[in-house]
Amino acid sequence: MTETRVESWTFYWLTGQREVLPGATAVDALNRAGYGAGALRALDFFAEGDHDGWAWNPDTRHWGKADDRA
């Protein structure tokens, strides 16, 4: 029997929300959380693992490197 390794994925949404979800793949993580294909329109980008290197700028409504917040 093959063991499925569960990873974590960080999703960055166009609303400025950051969400970490478990899953073997990014698609698996979104499916486990109950997101459908329509949610992809609200997704900006994602990264493998639990990342906190990005910050939401509410003025420009864009994500940027966390050290560029100043």
N, C-alpha and C. Protein backbone atom coordinates (compact mmCIF):
# COMPACT_ATOMS: atom_id res chain seq x y z
N MET A 1 0.84 -1.18 0.00
CA MET A 1 0.00 0.00 0.00
C MET A 1 0.89 1.26 0.00
N THR A 2 0.54 2.21 -0.83
CA THR A 2 1.29 3.46 -0.93
C THR A 2 0.73 4.48 0.04
N GLU A 3 1.62 5.13 0.77
CA GLU A 3 1.20 6.15 1.72
C GLU A 3 1.10 7.49 1.02
N THR A 4 -0.01 8.21 1.21
CA THR A 4 -0.17 9.54 0.63
C THR A 4 0.35 10.57 1.63
N ARG A 5 1.29 11.35 1.20
CA ARG A 5 1.86 12.38 2.06
C ARG A 5 1.01 13.64 1.95
N VAL A 6 0.59 14.15 3.07
CA VAL A 6 -0.21 15.37 3.07
C VAL A 6 0.72 16.56 3.30
N GLU A 7 0.71 17.46 2.39
CA GLU A 7 1.49 18.69 2.45
C GLU A 7 0.58 19.82 2.90
N SER A 8 1.15 20.98 3.05
CA SER A 8 0.32 22.16 3.25
C SER A 8 0.60 23.13 2.12
N TRP A 9 -0.40 23.90 1.79
CA TRP A 9 -0.33 24.86 0.69
C TRP A 9 -0.85 26.19 1.18
N THR A 10 -0.19 27.26 0.78
CA THR A 10 -0.63 28.60 1.13
C THR A 10 -1.27 29.23 -0.09
N PHE A 11 -2.50 29.68 0.08
CA PHE A 11 -3.26 30.31 -1.00
C PHE A 11 -3.40 31.80 -0.70
N TYR A 12 -3.12 32.61 -1.69
CA TYR A 12 -3.22 34.06 -1.59
C TYR A 12 -4.38 34.51 -2.49
N TRP A 13 -5.40 35.05 -1.85
CA TRP A 13 -6.62 35.42 -2.55
C TRP A 13 -6.60 36.88 -2.96
N LEU A 14 -7.32 37.21 -4.00
CA LEU A 14 -7.41 38.59 -4.48
C LEU A 14 -8.14 39.51 -3.51
N THR A 15 -8.68 38.96 -2.46
CA THR A 15 -9.35 39.74 -1.42
C THR A 15 -8.38 40.18 -0.33
N GLY A 16 -7.13 39.69 -0.40
CA GLY A 16 -6.14 40.01 0.62
C GLY A 16 -6.06 38.96 1.71
N GLN A 17 -6.83 37.90 1.58
CA GLN A 17 -6.80 36.81 2.55
C GLN A 17 -5.66 35.85 2.21
N ARG A 18 -5.03 35.31 3.25
CA ARG A 18 -4.00 34.28 3.11
C ARG A 18 -4.53 33.06 3.84
N GLU A 19 -4.50 31.90 3.21
CA GLU A 19 -5.07 30.69 3.79
C GLU A 19 -4.14 29.51 3.59
N VAL A 20 -3.86 28.77 4.66
CA VAL A 20 -3.02 27.58 4.59
C VAL A 20 -3.95 26.36 4.70
N LEU A 21 -3.86 25.47 3.71
CA LEU A 21 -4.73 24.30 3.66
C LEU A 21 -3.89 23.03 3.47
N PRO A 22 -4.31 21.91 4.08
CA PRO A 22 -3.61 20.65 3.88
C PRO A 22 -4.07 19.95 2.60
N GLY A 23 -3.14 19.24 1.96
CA GLY A 23 -3.49 18.45 0.79
C GLY A 23 -2.25 17.90 0.12
N ALA A 24 -2.40 16.80 -0.59
CA ALA A 24 -1.28 16.18 -1.30
C ALA A 24 -0.82 17.07 -2.45
N THR A 25 -1.77 17.78 -3.07
CA THR A 25 -1.49 18.74 -4.14
C THR A 25 -2.31 19.99 -3.85
N ALA A 26 -2.05 21.06 -4.58
CA ALA A 26 -2.84 22.28 -4.39
C ALA A 26 -4.31 22.03 -4.72
N VAL A 27 -4.57 21.27 -5.76
CA VAL A 27 -5.95 20.95 -6.15
C VAL A 27 -6.62 20.12 -5.05
N ASP A 28 -5.90 19.16 -4.50
CA ASP A 28 -6.43 18.34 -3.41
C ASP A 28 -6.77 19.22 -2.20
N ALA A 29 -5.90 20.16 -1.88
CA ALA A 29 -6.14 21.05 -0.75
C ALA A 29 -7.41 21.88 -0.95
N LEU A 30 -7.57 22.42 -2.15
CA LEU A 30 -8.78 23.22 -2.43
C LEU A 30 -10.04 22.35 -2.38
N ASN A 31 -9.94 21.14 -2.93
CA ASN A 31 -11.09 20.23 -2.90
C ASN A 31 -11.46 19.84 -1.48
N ARG A 32 -10.46 19.54 -0.65
CA ARG A 32 -10.72 19.17 0.75
C ARG A 32 -11.40 20.31 1.50
N ALA A 33 -11.07 21.55 1.14
CA ALA A 33 -11.65 22.72 1.81
C ALA A 33 -13.03 23.06 1.27
N GLY A 34 -13.44 22.37 0.21
CA GLY A 34 -14.77 22.58 -0.35
C GLY A 34 -14.85 23.64 -1.43
N TYR A 35 -13.70 24.09 -1.92
CA TYR A 35 -13.70 25.08 -2.99
C TYR A 35 -13.96 24.41 -4.33
N GLY A 36 -14.76 25.04 -5.16
CA GLY A 36 -15.03 24.55 -6.50
C GLY A 36 -14.17 25.27 -7.52
N ALA A 37 -14.33 24.90 -8.77
CA ALA A 37 -13.53 25.49 -9.85
C ALA A 37 -13.74 27.00 -9.96
N GLY A 38 -14.90 27.49 -9.59
CA GLY A 38 -15.18 28.92 -9.67
C GLY A 38 -14.32 29.76 -8.74
N ALA A 39 -13.81 29.15 -7.68
CA ALA A 39 -12.98 29.88 -6.73
C ALA A 39 -11.65 30.30 -7.34
N LEU A 40 -11.23 29.65 -8.39
CA LEU A 40 -9.94 29.97 -9.01
C LEU A 40 -9.90 31.40 -9.52
N ARG A 41 -11.05 31.96 -9.87
CA ARG A 41 -11.08 33.35 -10.34
C ARG A 41 -10.70 34.33 -9.23
N ALA A 42 -10.89 33.92 -7.97
CA ALA A 42 -10.58 34.78 -6.83
C ALA A 42 -9.19 34.51 -6.25
N LEU A 43 -8.49 33.53 -6.82
CA LEU A 43 -7.16 33.16 -6.34
C LEU A 43 -6.10 33.94 -7.09
N ASP A 44 -5.19 34.57 -6.35
CA ASP A 44 -4.09 35.29 -6.99
C ASP A 44 -2.96 34.33 -7.31
N PHE A 45 -2.44 33.63 -6.27
CA PHE A 45 -1.39 32.63 -6.47
C PHE A 45 -1.33 31.73 -5.25
N PHE A 46 -0.51 30.66 -5.34
CA PHE A 46 -0.35 29.74 -4.22
C PHE A 46 1.09 29.26 -4.17
N ALA A 47 1.47 28.74 -3.00
CA ALA A 47 2.83 28.22 -2.82
C ALA A 47 2.78 26.98 -1.94
N GLU A 48 3.68 26.05 -2.17
CA GLU A 48 3.75 24.85 -1.35
C GLU A 48 4.30 25.21 0.02
N GLY A 49 3.69 24.68 1.06
CA GLY A 49 4.13 24.92 2.43
C GLY A 49 3.38 26.08 3.06
N ASP A 50 3.76 26.37 4.30
CA ASP A 50 3.15 27.47 5.06
C ASP A 50 4.07 28.68 4.94
N HIS A 51 3.73 29.60 4.05
CA HIS A 51 4.56 30.76 3.76
C HIS A 51 3.94 32.03 4.31
N ASP A 52 4.79 32.91 4.79
CA ASP A 52 4.33 34.20 5.27
C ASP A 52 5.20 35.31 4.69
N GLY A 53 5.74 35.09 3.50
CA GLY A 53 6.67 36.04 2.91
C GLY A 53 6.03 37.11 2.05
N TRP A 54 4.70 37.14 2.03
CA TRP A 54 3.99 38.11 1.22
C TRP A 54 3.06 38.93 2.09
N ALA A 55 2.86 40.17 1.72
CA ALA A 55 1.97 41.07 2.46
C ALA A 55 0.98 41.71 1.48
N TRP A 56 -0.24 41.88 1.94
CA TRP A 56 -1.29 42.51 1.14
C TRP A 56 -1.24 44.02 1.33
N ASN A 57 -1.24 44.75 0.24
CA ASN A 57 -1.28 46.20 0.31
C ASN A 57 -2.71 46.63 -0.01
N PRO A 58 -3.45 47.11 0.98
CA PRO A 58 -4.85 47.47 0.74
C PRO A 58 -5.02 48.68 -0.18
N ASP A 59 -3.99 49.53 -0.29
CA ASP A 59 -4.09 50.70 -1.17
C ASP A 59 -4.02 50.30 -2.64
N THR A 60 -3.06 49.43 -2.98
CA THR A 60 -2.90 49.00 -4.37
C THR A 60 -3.69 47.73 -4.67
N ARG A 61 -4.17 47.05 -3.61
CA ARG A 61 -4.89 45.78 -3.73
C ARG A 61 -4.06 44.72 -4.45
N HIS A 62 -2.76 44.65 -4.07
CA HIS A 62 -1.84 43.67 -4.63
C HIS A 62 -0.98 43.07 -3.51
N TRP A 63 -0.50 41.86 -3.76
CA TRP A 63 0.45 41.21 -2.85
C TRP A 63 1.84 41.67 -3.22
N GLY A 64 2.72 41.83 -2.22
CA GLY A 64 4.11 42.18 -2.44
C GLY A 64 4.97 41.46 -1.41
N LYS A 65 6.24 41.41 -1.67
CA LYS A 65 7.17 40.78 -0.70
C LYS A 65 6.99 41.44 0.66
N ALA A 66 7.01 40.65 1.71
CA ALA A 66 6.76 41.15 3.05
C ALA A 66 7.75 42.24 3.46
N ASP A 67 9.00 42.18 3.00
CA ASP A 67 9.98 43.18 3.38
C ASP A 67 9.78 44.50 2.62
N ASP A 68 8.89 44.50 1.61
CA ASP A 68 8.61 45.72 0.83
C ASP A 68 7.42 46.49 1.39
N ARG A 69 6.95 46.13 2.60
CA ARG A 69 5.75 46.75 3.18
C ARG A 69 5.95 48.22 3.52
N ALA A 70 7.16 48.61 3.82
CA ALA A 70 7.40 49.98 4.31
C ALA A 70 7.03 51.03 3.30
